[in-house]
């Protein structure tokens, strides 16, 4: 499903600056490019390891694991922009993690409308001043480079791990030979991390008239249809029209991996891939801290899996879109606040 388009040769339009990106009135699209800088500031990036805005207050391991297989989640992407009411040194960032197992994502679908830890896709929000981005004293897992290393190798006492699983994987990957060798480099690169990219954003091309035509195409059916099996025919026709409108919108920029809502007023909605599995307002739980409604922030498109190099196999990870919602009021909190993701499965 993620190979819905195949022409990735076109380059994205001129990137938006952070301030223009924040004040945009239309939909902004995210594109991948090779990292062109270090991650010492506040990037928007996909794959590799996250850049923690507040590393001193990272989520606990109970929240960092898949709710089904109980294994540490893998970093998908993060989006970071200035706060509307703050100065340029304030940041608002959302980090998305997910389990790489399609079996867990399938289980996730049955209860994703509930505020529960039993999720295979999790979103964390941080809202802190730039001066607090100080990683000193924080030891990350030497295997995944993602979560806090809470335990050490019992042999060399030089390697930290976030979980028993990653300790076993590192041991099997070669640490069993280098553990007692004082001359060897004991830190190994985690081979299962997704390819790392920087994200850049551009305004979506296309007029409002074109979008209205696509919405009208969704609602229109054929002028004349047989009386028999009318309901089934109309439903199939509407689904086909919906899918055609989605494809038409995507062909404007086939290599897009992210779509950001046009505003944070609560009136922006995701671009759904199909009629079934769309989130309603009732499906989106309110902020667990202040009780304010959550609003749509951005959605992750399945093309990202193409750039990650994920195999298009029967049991490979896949989705139609991942819509991310966060507190409308961006209520301040210490450390990271868990927000909400709605996953629409692929057709």
C-alpha atoms as a PDB file:
ATOM      1  CA  UNK A   1       0.000   0.000   0.000  1.00  0.00           C
ATOM      2  CA  UNK A   2       2.838   2.389   0.711  1.00  0.00           C
ATOM      3  CA  UNK A   3       3.860   2.260  -2.978  1.00  0.00           C
ATOM      4  CA  UNK A   4       0.752   4.125  -4.084  1.00  0.00           C
ATOM      5  CA  UNK A   5       2.975   6.391  -6.160  1.00  0.00           C
ATOM      6  CA  UNK A   6       6.299   5.660  -7.761  1.00  0.00           C
ATOM      7  CA  UNK A   7       7.584   8.966  -9.124  1.00  0.00           C
ATOM      8  CA  UNK A   8       9.821  10.330  -6.376  1.00  0.00           C
ATOM      9  CA  UNK A   9      12.043  12.308  -8.726  1.00  0.00           C
ATOM     10  CA  UNK A  10      10.350  15.676  -8.274  1.00  0.00           C
ATOM     11  CA  UNK A  11      11.996  17.944  -5.699  1.00  0.00           C
ATOM     12  CA  UNK A  12       9.923  19.695  -3.027  1.00  0.00           C
ATOM     13  CA  UNK A  13       9.203  23.421  -3.275  1.00  0.00           C
ATOM     14  CA  UNK A  14      11.244  26.039  -1.411  1.00  0.00           C
ATOM     15  CA  UNK A  15      11.403  25.085   2.288  1.00  0.00           C
ATOM     16  CA  UNK A  16       9.559  27.207   4.851  1.00  0.00           C
ATOM     17  CA  UNK A  17      11.412  29.010   7.615  1.00  0.00           C
ATOM     18  CA  UNK A  18      10.385  27.999  11.169  1.00  0.00           C
ATOM     19  CA  UNK A  19       8.390  31.200  11.733  1.00  0.00           C
ATOM     20  CA  UNK A  20       6.576  31.048   8.380  1.00  0.00           C
ATOM     21  CA  UNK A  21       6.028  27.337   8.952  1.00  0.00           C
ATOM     22  CA  UNK A  22       4.340  28.112  12.258  1.00  0.00           C
ATOM     23  CA  UNK A  23       2.118  30.879  10.843  1.00  0.00           C
ATOM     24  CA  UNK A  24       1.068  29.044   7.686  1.00  0.00           C
ATOM     25  CA  UNK A  25      -2.553  29.228   6.592  1.00  0.00           C
ATOM     26  CA  UNK A  26      -2.495  26.231   4.255  1.00  0.00           C
ATOM     27  CA  UNK A  27      -1.327  22.635   4.587  1.00  0.00           C
ATOM     28  CA  UNK A  28       2.425  22.160   4.884  1.00  0.00           C
ATOM     29  CA  UNK A  29       4.100  19.041   3.523  1.00  0.00           C
ATOM     30  CA  UNK A  30       7.137  17.315   4.980  1.00  0.00           C
ATOM     31  CA  UNK A  31       9.877  15.799   2.820  1.00  0.00           C
ATOM     32  CA  UNK A  32      12.960  13.754   3.661  1.00  0.00           C
ATOM     33  CA  UNK A  33      16.502  14.740   2.856  1.00  0.00           C
ATOM     34  CA  UNK A  34      19.898  13.542   3.983  1.00  0.00           C
ATOM     35  CA  UNK A  35      20.952  15.134   7.285  1.00  0.00           C
ATOM     36  CA  UNK A  36      22.898  18.308   6.586  1.00  0.00           C
ATOM     37  CA  UNK A  37      23.705  19.265  10.160  1.00  0.00           C
ATOM     38  CA  UNK A  38      24.353  17.880  13.601  1.00  0.00           C
ATOM     39  CA  UNK A  39      21.441  17.294  15.928  1.00  0.00           C
ATOM     40  CA  UNK A  40      22.613  19.673  18.648  1.00  0.00           C
ATOM     41  CA  UNK A  41      19.679  22.072  18.237  1.00  0.00           C
ATOM     42  CA  UNK A  42      15.963  21.312  17.845  1.00  0.00           C
ATOM     43  CA  UNK A  43      15.430  19.417  14.605  1.00  0.00           C
ATOM     44  CA  UNK A  44      12.507  17.909  12.804  1.00  0.00           C
ATOM     45  CA  UNK A  45      13.768  14.509  11.760  1.00  0.00           C
ATOM     46  CA  UNK A  46      12.749  10.951  10.926  1.00  0.00           C
ATOM     47  CA  UNK A  47      14.503   7.693  11.711  1.00  0.00           C
ATOM     48  CA  UNK A  48      17.726   7.106  13.575  1.00  0.00           C
ATOM     49  CA  UNK A  49      17.555   8.116  17.234  1.00  0.00           C
ATOM     50  CA  UNK A  50      15.484  10.962  18.709  1.00  0.00           C
ATOM     51  CA  UNK A  51      16.863  14.280  19.902  1.00  0.00           C
ATOM     52  CA  UNK A  52      15.422  14.687  23.379  1.00  0.00           C
ATOM     53  CA  UNK A  53      14.368  18.254  24.140  1.00  0.00           C
ATOM     54  CA  UNK A  54      14.413  17.527  27.856  1.00  0.00           C
ATOM     55  CA  UNK A  55      16.701  14.498  28.340  1.00  0.00           C
ATOM     56  CA  UNK A  56      16.665  14.855  32.124  1.00  0.00           C
ATOM     57  CA  UNK A  57      12.949  13.947  32.189  1.00  0.00           C
ATOM     58  CA  UNK A  58      12.571  11.254  29.538  1.00  0.00           C
ATOM     59  CA  UNK A  59       9.466   9.007  29.603  1.00  0.00           C
ATOM     60  CA  UNK A  60       9.765   6.014  31.970  1.00  0.00           C
ATOM     61  CA  UNK A  61      10.331   2.603  30.453  1.00  0.00           C
ATOM     62  CA  UNK A  62       6.768   1.586  31.293  1.00  0.00           C
ATOM     63  CA  UNK A  63       5.633   4.165  28.716  1.00  0.00           C
ATOM     64  CA  UNK A  64       8.506   3.498  26.332  1.00  0.00           C
ATOM     65  CA  UNK A  65       7.440  -0.063  25.543  1.00  0.00           C
ATOM     66  CA  UNK A  66       4.826  -1.543  23.223  1.00  0.00           C
ATOM     67  CA  UNK A  67       1.622  -2.305  25.074  1.00  0.00           C
ATOM     68  CA  UNK A  68       1.423  -5.745  23.476  1.00  0.00           C
ATOM     69  CA  UNK A  69       4.873  -7.327  23.071  1.00  0.00           C
ATOM     70  CA  UNK A  70       6.346  -5.214  25.929  1.00  0.00           C
ATOM     71  CA  UNK A  71       9.495  -4.477  23.924  1.00  0.00           C
ATOM     72  CA  UNK A  72      11.001  -0.951  23.593  1.00  0.00           C
ATOM     73  CA  UNK A  73       9.356   1.166  20.921  1.00  0.00           C
ATOM     74  CA  UNK A  74      11.350   2.366  17.942  1.00  0.00           C
ATOM     75  CA  UNK A  75      11.726   6.051  17.076  1.00  0.00           C
ATOM     76  CA  UNK A  76       9.698   7.088  14.029  1.00  0.00           C
ATOM     77  CA  UNK A  77       9.997  10.893  13.806  1.00  0.00           C
ATOM     78  CA  UNK A  78       9.793  14.191  15.636  1.00  0.00           C
ATOM     79  CA  UNK A  79       8.425  17.585  14.632  1.00  0.00           C
ATOM     80  CA  UNK A  80       9.636  20.692  16.425  1.00  0.00           C
ATOM     81  CA  UNK A  81       8.442  24.298  15.934  1.00  0.00           C
ATOM     82  CA  UNK A  82       8.396  27.538  17.997  1.00  0.00           C
ATOM     83  CA  UNK A  83       5.482  28.131  20.330  1.00  0.00           C
ATOM     84  CA  UNK A  84       3.050  30.723  18.892  1.00  0.00           C
ATOM     85  CA  UNK A  85       2.946  32.757  22.093  1.00  0.00           C
ATOM     86  CA  UNK A  86       6.643  32.393  22.932  1.00  0.00           C
ATOM     87  CA  UNK A  87       9.908  33.753  21.669  1.00  0.00           C
ATOM     88  CA  UNK A  88      12.323  31.967  19.364  1.00  0.00           C
ATOM     89  CA  UNK A  89      13.975  30.142  22.269  1.00  0.00           C
ATOM     90  CA  UNK A  90      10.821  28.246  23.211  1.00  0.00           C
ATOM     91  CA  UNK A  91      10.048  24.974  21.532  1.00  0.00           C
ATOM     92  CA  UNK A  92       7.076  22.689  21.174  1.00  0.00           C
ATOM     93  CA  UNK A  93       7.955  19.214  19.953  1.00  0.00           C
ATOM     94  CA  UNK A  94       6.106  15.963  19.306  1.00  0.00           C
ATOM     95  CA  UNK A  95       7.966  12.665  19.138  1.00  0.00           C
ATOM     96  CA  UNK A  96       6.356   9.571  17.614  1.00  0.00           C
ATOM     97  CA  UNK A  97       7.455   6.033  18.471  1.00  0.00           C
ATOM     98  CA  UNK A  98       6.030   2.719  17.322  1.00  0.00           C
ATOM     99  CA  UNK A  99       6.557  -0.992  17.505  1.00  0.00           C
ATOM    100  CA  UNK A 100       8.008  -2.323  14.225  1.00  0.00           C
ATOM    101  CA  UNK A 101       5.820  -5.443  14.386  1.00  0.00           C
ATOM    102  CA  UNK A 102       2.743  -5.429  12.172  1.00  0.00           C
ATOM    103  CA  UNK A 103       1.090  -7.959  14.480  1.00  0.00           C
ATOM    104  CA  UNK A 104       1.170  -5.419  17.319  1.00  0.00           C
ATOM    105  CA  UNK A 105      -0.179  -2.661  15.081  1.00  0.00           C
ATOM    106  CA  UNK A 106      -3.094  -4.911  14.129  1.00  0.00           C
ATOM    107  CA  UNK A 107      -3.882  -5.468  17.822  1.00  0.00           C
ATOM    108  CA  UNK A 108      -3.628  -1.740  18.390  1.00  0.00           C
ATOM    109  CA  UNK A 109      -6.552  -1.018  16.061  1.00  0.00           C
ATOM    110  CA  UNK A 110      -9.133  -2.624  18.340  1.00  0.00           C
ATOM    111  CA  UNK A 111      -8.627  -0.204  21.240  1.00  0.00           C
ATOM    112  CA  UNK A 112      -6.915   2.898  19.877  1.00  0.00           C
ATOM    113  CA  UNK A 113      -9.826   5.150  20.886  1.00  0.00           C
ATOM    114  CA  UNK A 114      -9.148   4.398  24.550  1.00  0.00           C
ATOM    115  CA  UNK A 115      -6.722   6.321  26.763  1.00  0.00           C
ATOM    116  CA  UNK A 116      -4.561   3.307  27.538  1.00  0.00           C
ATOM    117  CA  UNK A 117      -0.956   2.195  27.639  1.00  0.00           C
ATOM    118  CA  UNK A 118      -1.865  -0.757  25.436  1.00  0.00           C
ATOM    119  CA  UNK A 119      -0.749   0.951  22.255  1.00  0.00           C
ATOM    120  CA  UNK A 120       1.891   0.099  19.679  1.00  0.00           C
ATOM    121  CA  UNK A 121       2.083   3.766  18.567  1.00  0.00           C
ATOM    122  CA  UNK A 122       2.824   6.452  21.148  1.00  0.00           C
ATOM    123  CA  UNK A 123       3.322  10.209  20.966  1.00  0.00           C
ATOM    124  CA  UNK A 124       5.159  12.340  23.517  1.00  0.00           C
ATOM    125  CA  UNK A 125       5.041  16.140  23.783  1.00  0.00           C
ATOM    126  CA  UNK A 126       7.721  18.340  25.344  1.00  0.00           C
ATOM    127  CA  UNK A 127       7.516  22.070  25.833  1.00  0.00           C
ATOM    128  CA  UNK A 128      10.635  23.555  27.352  1.00  0.00           C
ATOM    129  CA  UNK A 129      13.045  26.445  26.877  1.00  0.00           C
ATOM    130  CA  UNK A 130      16.047  25.885  24.634  1.00  0.00           C
ATOM    131  CA  UNK A 131      18.528  26.338  27.471  1.00  0.00           C
ATOM    132  CA  UNK A 132      17.268  23.103  29.068  1.00  0.00           C
ATOM    133  CA  UNK A 133      18.458  20.933  26.208  1.00  0.00           C
ATOM    134  CA  UNK A 134      21.422  19.633  28.204  1.00  0.00           C
ATOM    135  CA  UNK A 135      22.219  15.931  27.789  1.00  0.00           C
ATOM    136  CA  UNK A 136      25.022  15.972  30.380  1.00  0.00           C
ATOM    137  CA  UNK A 137      24.608  13.244  32.940  1.00  0.00           C
ATOM    138  CA  UNK A 138      22.039  11.310  30.904  1.00  0.00           C
ATOM    139  CA  UNK A 139      23.242   7.914  29.735  1.00  0.00           C
ATOM    140  CA  UNK A 140      21.294   6.454  26.825  1.00  0.00           C
ATOM    141  CA  UNK A 141      21.089   2.797  25.894  1.00  0.00           C
ATOM    142  CA  UNK A 142      24.263   1.953  23.960  1.00  0.00           C
ATOM    143  CA  UNK A 143      22.314  -0.370  21.691  1.00  0.00           C
ATOM    144  CA  UNK A 144      19.253   1.619  20.603  1.00  0.00           C
ATOM    145  CA  UNK A 145      20.553   5.148  21.427  1.00  0.00           C
ATOM    146  CA  UNK A 146      16.918   6.020  22.178  1.00  0.00           C
ATOM    147  CA  UNK A 147      15.868   5.288  25.758  1.00  0.00           C
ATOM    148  CA  UNK A 148      17.607   5.867  29.076  1.00  0.00           C
ATOM    149  CA  UNK A 149      20.146   3.182  29.941  1.00  0.00           C
ATOM    150  CA  UNK A 150      18.995   2.035  33.343  1.00  0.00           C
ATOM    151  CA  UNK A 151      21.192  -1.060  33.669  1.00  0.00           C
ATOM    152  CA  UNK A 152      24.776  -2.000  32.854  1.00  0.00           C
ATOM    153  CA  UNK A 153      26.535  -4.984  31.358  1.00  0.00           C
ATOM    154  CA  UNK A 154      27.522  -7.224  34.261  1.00  0.00           C
ATOM    155  CA  UNK A 155      30.818  -8.095  32.570  1.00  0.00           C
ATOM    156  CA  UNK A 156      32.535  -4.897  31.443  1.00  0.00           C
ATOM    157  CA  UNK A 157      30.398  -2.411  33.403  1.00  0.00           C
ATOM    158  CA  UNK A 158      30.893   0.062  30.557  1.00  0.00           C
ATOM    159  CA  UNK A 159      27.772  -0.496  28.465  1.00  0.00           C
ATOM    160  CA  UNK A 160      24.274   0.642  29.444  1.00  0.00           C
ATOM    161  CA  UNK A 161      20.957  -0.802  28.316  1.00  0.00           C
ATOM    162  CA  UNK A 162      17.334   0.295  28.475  1.00  0.00           C
ATOM    163  CA  UNK A 163      16.016  -3.268  28.558  1.00  0.00           C
ATOM    164  CA  UNK A 164      16.924  -6.918  28.822  1.00  0.00           C
ATOM    165  CA  UNK A 165      15.978  -7.378  25.170  1.00  0.00           C
ATOM    166  CA  UNK A 166      18.579  -4.891  23.952  1.00  0.00           C
ATOM    167  CA  UNK A 167      21.217  -6.372  26.203  1.00  0.00           C
ATOM    168  CA  UNK A 168      20.618  -9.788  24.641  1.00  0.00           C
ATOM    169  CA  UNK A 169      20.632  -8.347  21.101  1.00  0.00           C
ATOM    170  CA  UNK A 170      23.912  -6.530  21.710  1.00  0.00           C
ATOM    171  CA  UNK A 171      25.458  -9.662  23.205  1.00  0.00           C
ATOM    172  CA  UNK A 172      24.442 -11.729  20.180  1.00  0.00           C
ATOM    173  CA  UNK A 173      25.697  -9.012  17.808  1.00  0.00           C
ATOM    174  CA  UNK A 174      29.264  -9.269  19.092  1.00  0.00           C
ATOM    175  CA  UNK A 175      29.515  -7.929  22.616  1.00  0.00           C
ATOM    176  CA  UNK A 176      30.023 -11.512  23.800  1.00  0.00           C
ATOM    177  CA  UNK A 177      33.486 -11.297  22.188  1.00  0.00           C
ATOM    178  CA  UNK A 178      34.376  -7.679  23.005  1.00  0.00           C
ATOM    179  CA  UNK A 179      33.050  -7.555  26.563  1.00  0.00           C
ATOM    180  CA  UNK A 180      36.310  -8.603  28.233  1.00  0.00           C
ATOM    181  CA  UNK A 181      38.587  -7.117  25.563  1.00  0.00           C
ATOM    182  CA  UNK A 182      39.826  -3.796  26.938  1.00  0.00           C
ATOM    183  CA  UNK A 183      41.172  -2.705  23.524  1.00  0.00           C
ATOM    184  CA  UNK A 184      37.913  -3.082  21.594  1.00  0.00           C
ATOM    185  CA  UNK A 185      35.154  -0.559  21.021  1.00  0.00           C
ATOM    186  CA  UNK A 186      32.268  -2.030  22.958  1.00  0.00           C
ATOM    187  CA  UNK A 187      29.582   0.244  21.533  1.00  0.00           C
ATOM    188  CA  UNK A 188      27.847  -1.200  18.487  1.00  0.00           C
ATOM    189  CA  UNK A 189      25.554   0.454  16.008  1.00  0.00           C
ATOM    190  CA  UNK A 190      21.974  -0.743  16.285  1.00  0.00           C
ATOM    191  CA  UNK A 191      21.239  -2.257  12.890  1.00  0.00           C
ATOM    192  CA  UNK A 192      17.449  -2.150  13.183  1.00  0.00           C
ATOM    193  CA  UNK A 193      17.095   1.626  13.511  1.00  0.00           C
ATOM    194  CA  UNK A 194      15.322   3.129  10.527  1.00  0.00           C
ATOM    195  CA  UNK A 195      17.340   5.235   8.097  1.00  0.00           C
ATOM    196  CA  UNK A 196      17.869   8.763   9.383  1.00  0.00           C
ATOM    197  CA  UNK A 197      16.559  11.821   7.534  1.00  0.00           C
ATOM    198  CA  UNK A 198      16.111  15.495   8.129  1.00  0.00           C
ATOM    199  CA  UNK A 199      12.589  16.802   7.512  1.00  0.00           C
ATOM    200  CA  UNK A 200      11.955  19.981   5.566  1.00  0.00           C
ATOM    201  CA  UNK A 201       8.580  21.609   4.969  1.00  0.00           C
ATOM    202  CA  UNK A 202       6.896  23.367   2.067  1.00  0.00           C
ATOM    203  CA  UNK A 203       3.445  24.763   1.443  1.00  0.00           C
ATOM    204  CA  UNK A 204       1.198  22.366  -0.459  1.00  0.00           C
ATOM    205  CA  UNK A 205       0.642  23.426  -4.050  1.00  0.00           C
ATOM    206  CA  UNK A 206      -2.862  23.556  -5.516  1.00  0.00           C
ATOM    207  CA  UNK A 207      -5.766  25.965  -5.374  1.00  0.00           C
ATOM    208  CA  UNK A 208      -8.755  25.939  -3.046  1.00  0.00           C
ATOM    209  CA  UNK A 209     -10.931  25.348  -6.096  1.00  0.00           C
ATOM    210  CA  UNK A 210      -9.116  22.071  -6.776  1.00  0.00           C
ATOM    211  CA  UNK A 211      -9.672  20.934  -3.188  1.00  0.00           C
ATOM    212  CA  UNK A 212     -13.371  21.781  -3.443  1.00  0.00           C
ATOM    213  CA  UNK A 213     -13.604  19.767  -6.661  1.00  0.00           C
ATOM    214  CA  UNK A 214     -12.021  16.764  -4.920  1.00  0.00           C
ATOM    215  CA  UNK A 215     -14.456  17.028  -2.002  1.00  0.00           C
ATOM    216  CA  UNK A 216     -17.340  17.211  -4.449  1.00  0.00           C
ATOM    217  CA  UNK A 217     -16.026  14.134  -6.254  1.00  0.00           C
ATOM    218  CA  UNK A 218     -16.176  12.254  -2.958  1.00  0.00           C
ATOM    219  CA  UNK A 219     -19.873  13.039  -2.530  1.00  0.00           C
ATOM    220  CA  UNK A 220     -20.933  12.488  -6.147  1.00  0.00           C
ATOM    221  CA  UNK A 221     -22.105   9.149  -7.453  1.00  0.00           C
ATOM    222  CA  UNK A 222     -23.118   8.076 -10.968  1.00  0.00           C
ATOM    223  CA  UNK A 223     -26.134   9.889 -12.426  1.00  0.00           C
ATOM    224  CA  UNK A 224     -28.020   6.690 -13.357  1.00  0.00           C
ATOM    225  CA  UNK A 225     -27.695   3.329 -11.601  1.00  0.00           C
ATOM    226  CA  UNK A 226     -29.744   0.127 -11.755  1.00  0.00           C
ATOM    227  CA  UNK A 227     -32.471  -0.280  -9.106  1.00  0.00           C
ATOM    228  CA  UNK A 228     -31.087  -3.657  -7.989  1.00  0.00           C
ATOM    229  CA  UNK A 229     -28.195  -3.665  -5.487  1.00  0.00           C
ATOM    230  CA  UNK A 230     -28.365   0.120  -5.374  1.00  0.00           C
ATOM    231  CA  UNK A 231     -26.923   0.493  -1.892  1.00  0.00           C
ATOM    232  CA  UNK A 232     -23.899  -1.667  -2.605  1.00  0.00           C
ATOM    233  CA  UNK A 233     -23.272   0.041  -5.907  1.00  0.00           C
ATOM    234  CA  UNK A 234     -23.420   3.524  -4.407  1.00  0.00           C
ATOM    235  CA  UNK A 235     -21.155   2.564  -1.520  1.00  0.00           C
ATOM    236  CA  UNK A 236     -18.557   1.075  -3.883  1.00  0.00           C
ATOM    237  CA  UNK A 237     -18.787   4.126  -6.117  1.00  0.00           C
ATOM    238  CA  UNK A 238     -18.328   6.477  -3.167  1.00  0.00           C
ATOM    239  CA  UNK A 239     -15.306   4.514  -1.921  1.00  0.00           C
ATOM    240  CA  UNK A 240     -13.775   4.592  -5.409  1.00  0.00           C
ATOM    241  CA  UNK A 241     -14.382   8.333  -5.664  1.00  0.00           C
ATOM    242  CA  UNK A 242     -12.854   8.882  -2.222  1.00  0.00           C
ATOM    243  CA  UNK A 243      -9.775   6.872  -3.167  1.00  0.00           C
ATOM    244  CA  UNK A 244      -9.445   8.720  -6.486  1.00  0.00           C
ATOM    245  CA  UNK A 245      -9.602  12.086  -4.700  1.00  0.00           C
ATOM    246  CA  UNK A 246      -6.925  10.929  -2.235  1.00  0.00           C
ATOM    247  CA  UNK A 247      -4.633   9.823  -5.042  1.00  0.00           C
ATOM    248  CA  UNK A 248      -5.177  13.083  -6.910  1.00  0.00           C
ATOM    249  CA  UNK A 249      -4.159  15.046  -3.829  1.00  0.00           C
ATOM    250  CA  UNK A 250      -1.067  12.907  -3.291  1.00  0.00           C
ATOM    251  CA  UNK A 251       0.160  13.217  -6.874  1.00  0.00           C
ATOM    252  CA  UNK A 252       0.777  16.928  -6.300  1.00  0.00           C
ATOM    253  CA  UNK A 253       3.823  15.896  -4.236  1.00  0.00           C
ATOM    254  CA  UNK A 254       4.357  12.118  -4.400  1.00  0.00           C
ATOM    255  CA  UNK A 255       7.374  12.089  -2.086  1.00  0.00           C
ATOM    256  CA  UNK A 256       5.632  13.733   0.878  1.00  0.00           C
ATOM    257  CA  UNK A 257       5.975  11.807   4.139  1.00  0.00           C
ATOM    258  CA  UNK A 258       4.214  14.250   6.435  1.00  0.00           C
ATOM    259  CA  UNK A 259       1.193  16.563   6.262  1.00  0.00           C
ATOM    260  CA  UNK A 260       0.723  19.299   8.854  1.00  0.00           C
ATOM    261  CA  UNK A 261      -2.656  20.792   9.673  1.00  0.00           C
ATOM    262  CA  UNK A 262      -3.407  24.319   8.508  1.00  0.00           C
ATOM    263  CA  UNK A 263      -4.192  25.617  12.019  1.00  0.00           C
ATOM    264  CA  UNK A 264      -4.378  24.658  15.687  1.00  0.00           C
ATOM    265  CA  UNK A 265      -7.918  26.001  16.113  1.00  0.00           C
ATOM    266  CA  UNK A 266      -9.387  22.525  15.894  1.00  0.00           C
ATOM    267  CA  UNK A 267     -10.818  22.926  12.400  1.00  0.00           C
ATOM    268  CA  UNK A 268      -7.996  21.182  10.549  1.00  0.00           C
ATOM    269  CA  UNK A 269      -8.534  17.513   9.650  1.00  0.00           C
ATOM    270  CA  UNK A 270      -6.307  14.732   8.272  1.00  0.00           C
ATOM    271  CA  UNK A 271      -6.400  13.657   4.655  1.00  0.00           C
ATOM    272  CA  UNK A 272      -7.953  10.216   5.100  1.00  0.00           C
ATOM    273  CA  UNK A 273      -7.105   7.456   2.675  1.00  0.00           C
ATOM    274  CA  UNK A 274     -10.454   5.688   2.783  1.00  0.00           C
ATOM    275  CA  UNK A 275     -13.952   6.014   4.230  1.00  0.00           C
ATOM    276  CA  UNK A 276     -13.526   3.228   6.788  1.00  0.00           C
ATOM    277  CA  UNK A 277     -11.433   3.806   9.884  1.00  0.00           C
ATOM    278  CA  UNK A 278     -11.603   7.596  10.092  1.00  0.00           C
ATOM    279  CA  UNK A 279     -11.410   9.162  13.553  1.00  0.00           C
ATOM    280  CA  UNK A 280     -14.422  11.115  14.806  1.00  0.00           C
ATOM    281  CA  UNK A 281     -14.243  13.860  17.434  1.00  0.00           C
ATOM    282  CA  UNK A 282     -15.541  11.339  19.974  1.00  0.00           C
ATOM    283  CA  UNK A 283     -12.618   9.015  19.214  1.00  0.00           C
ATOM    284  CA  UNK A 284     -10.009  11.586  20.260  1.00  0.00           C
ATOM    285  CA  UNK A 285      -9.594  11.724  24.063  1.00  0.00           C
ATOM    286  CA  UNK A 286      -9.049  15.054  25.793  1.00  0.00           C
ATOM    287  CA  UNK A 287      -5.714  16.065  27.302  1.00  0.00           C
ATOM    288  CA  UNK A 288      -4.979  13.854  30.282  1.00  0.00           C
ATOM    289  CA  UNK A 289      -3.524  16.806  32.227  1.00  0.00           C
ATOM    290  CA  UNK A 290      -5.756  19.837  31.696  1.00  0.00           C
ATOM    291  CA  UNK A 291      -8.835  18.297  30.064  1.00  0.00           C
ATOM    292  CA  UNK A 292      -8.696  20.521  26.983  1.00  0.00           C
ATOM    293  CA  UNK A 293      -9.639  18.902  23.666  1.00  0.00           C
ATOM    294  CA  UNK A 294      -6.856  17.572  21.526  1.00  0.00           C
ATOM    295  CA  UNK A 295      -6.449  19.009  18.031  1.00  0.00           C
ATOM    296  CA  UNK A 296      -4.981  17.536  14.869  1.00  0.00           C
ATOM    297  CA  UNK A 297      -1.297  18.409  14.432  1.00  0.00           C
ATOM    298  CA  UNK A 298       0.071  16.305  11.579  1.00  0.00           C
ATOM    299  CA  UNK A 299      -0.205  12.946   9.856  1.00  0.00           C
ATOM    300  CA  UNK A 300       2.491  10.486   8.830  1.00  0.00           C
ATOM    301  CA  UNK A 301       2.132   9.087   5.330  1.00  0.00           C
ATOM    302  CA  UNK A 302       3.034   5.499   4.338  1.00  0.00           C
ATOM    303  CA  UNK A 303       5.685   6.780   1.903  1.00  0.00           C
ATOM    304  CA  UNK A 304       7.983   7.148   4.906  1.00  0.00           C
ATOM    305  CA  UNK A 305       8.312   3.353   4.988  1.00  0.00           C
ATOM    306  CA  UNK A 306       9.625   3.477   1.417  1.00  0.00           C
ATOM    307  CA  UNK A 307      12.428   5.832   2.469  1.00  0.00           C
ATOM    308  CA  UNK A 308      13.106   3.727   5.557  1.00  0.00           C
ATOM    309  CA  UNK A 309      13.675   0.735   3.273  1.00  0.00           C
ATOM    310  CA  UNK A 310      10.965  -1.378   4.925  1.00  0.00           C
ATOM    311  CA  UNK A 311      10.250  -4.445   2.806  1.00  0.00           C
ATOM    312  CA  UNK A 312       6.864  -4.614   1.118  1.00  0.00           C
ATOM    313  CA  UNK A 313       6.176  -8.106   2.412  1.00  0.00           C
ATOM    314  CA  UNK A 314       2.921  -9.622   3.644  1.00  0.00           C
ATOM    315  CA  UNK A 315       3.770  -9.187   7.339  1.00  0.00           C
ATOM    316  CA  UNK A 316       5.814  -5.987   6.983  1.00  0.00           C
ATOM    317  CA  UNK A 317       4.861  -2.848   8.891  1.00  0.00           C
ATOM    318  CA  UNK A 318       2.320  -0.765   6.977  1.00  0.00           C
ATOM    319  CA  UNK A 319      -0.350   1.847   7.560  1.00  0.00           C
ATOM    320  CA  UNK A 320      -2.694   4.129   5.630  1.00  0.00           C
ATOM    321  CA  UNK A 321      -1.937   7.191   7.757  1.00  0.00           C
ATOM    322  CA  UNK A 322      -1.005   8.003  11.351  1.00  0.00           C
ATOM    323  CA  UNK A 323      -2.829  11.123  12.570  1.00  0.00           C
ATOM    324  CA  UNK A 324      -1.269  12.825  15.600  1.00  0.00           C
ATOM    325  CA  UNK A 325      -3.316  14.911  18.037  1.00  0.00           C
ATOM    326  CA  UNK A 326      -2.117  17.017  20.986  1.00  0.00           C
ATOM    327  CA  UNK A 327      -3.498  19.350  23.633  1.00  0.00           C
ATOM    328  CA  UNK A 328      -5.129  22.410  22.090  1.00  0.00           C
ATOM    329  CA  UNK A 329      -3.731  24.613  24.861  1.00  0.00           C
ATOM    330  CA  UNK A 330      -0.242  23.043  24.878  1.00  0.00           C
ATOM    331  CA  UNK A 331      -0.495  22.957  28.670  1.00  0.00           C
ATOM    332  CA  UNK A 332       2.924  23.166  30.347  1.00  0.00           C
ATOM    333  CA  UNK A 333       4.227  20.119  32.174  1.00  0.00           C
ATOM    334  CA  UNK A 334       7.471  18.747  33.524  1.00  0.00           C
ATOM    335  CA  UNK A 335       9.176  16.381  31.111  1.00  0.00           C
ATOM    336  CA  UNK A 336       7.088  14.602  28.483  1.00  0.00           C
ATOM    337  CA  UNK A 337       3.322  14.335  28.198  1.00  0.00           C
ATOM    338  CA  UNK A 338       1.810  11.431  26.307  1.00  0.00           C
ATOM    339  CA  UNK A 339      -0.473  12.577  23.502  1.00  0.00           C
ATOM    340  CA  UNK A 340      -2.568  10.586  21.018  1.00  0.00           C
ATOM    341  CA  UNK A 341      -2.203   8.915  17.620  1.00  0.00           C
ATOM    342  CA  UNK A 342      -4.979   7.511  15.456  1.00  0.00           C
ATOM    343  CA  UNK A 343      -3.916   4.895  12.909  1.00  0.00           C
ATOM    344  CA  UNK A 344      -5.960   4.303   9.778  1.00  0.00           C
ATOM    345  CA  UNK A 345      -5.003   0.973   8.261  1.00  0.00           C
ATOM    346  CA  UNK A 346      -4.143   0.669   4.589  1.00  0.00           C
ATOM    347  CA  UNK A 347      -6.744  -0.736   2.176  1.00  0.00           C
END
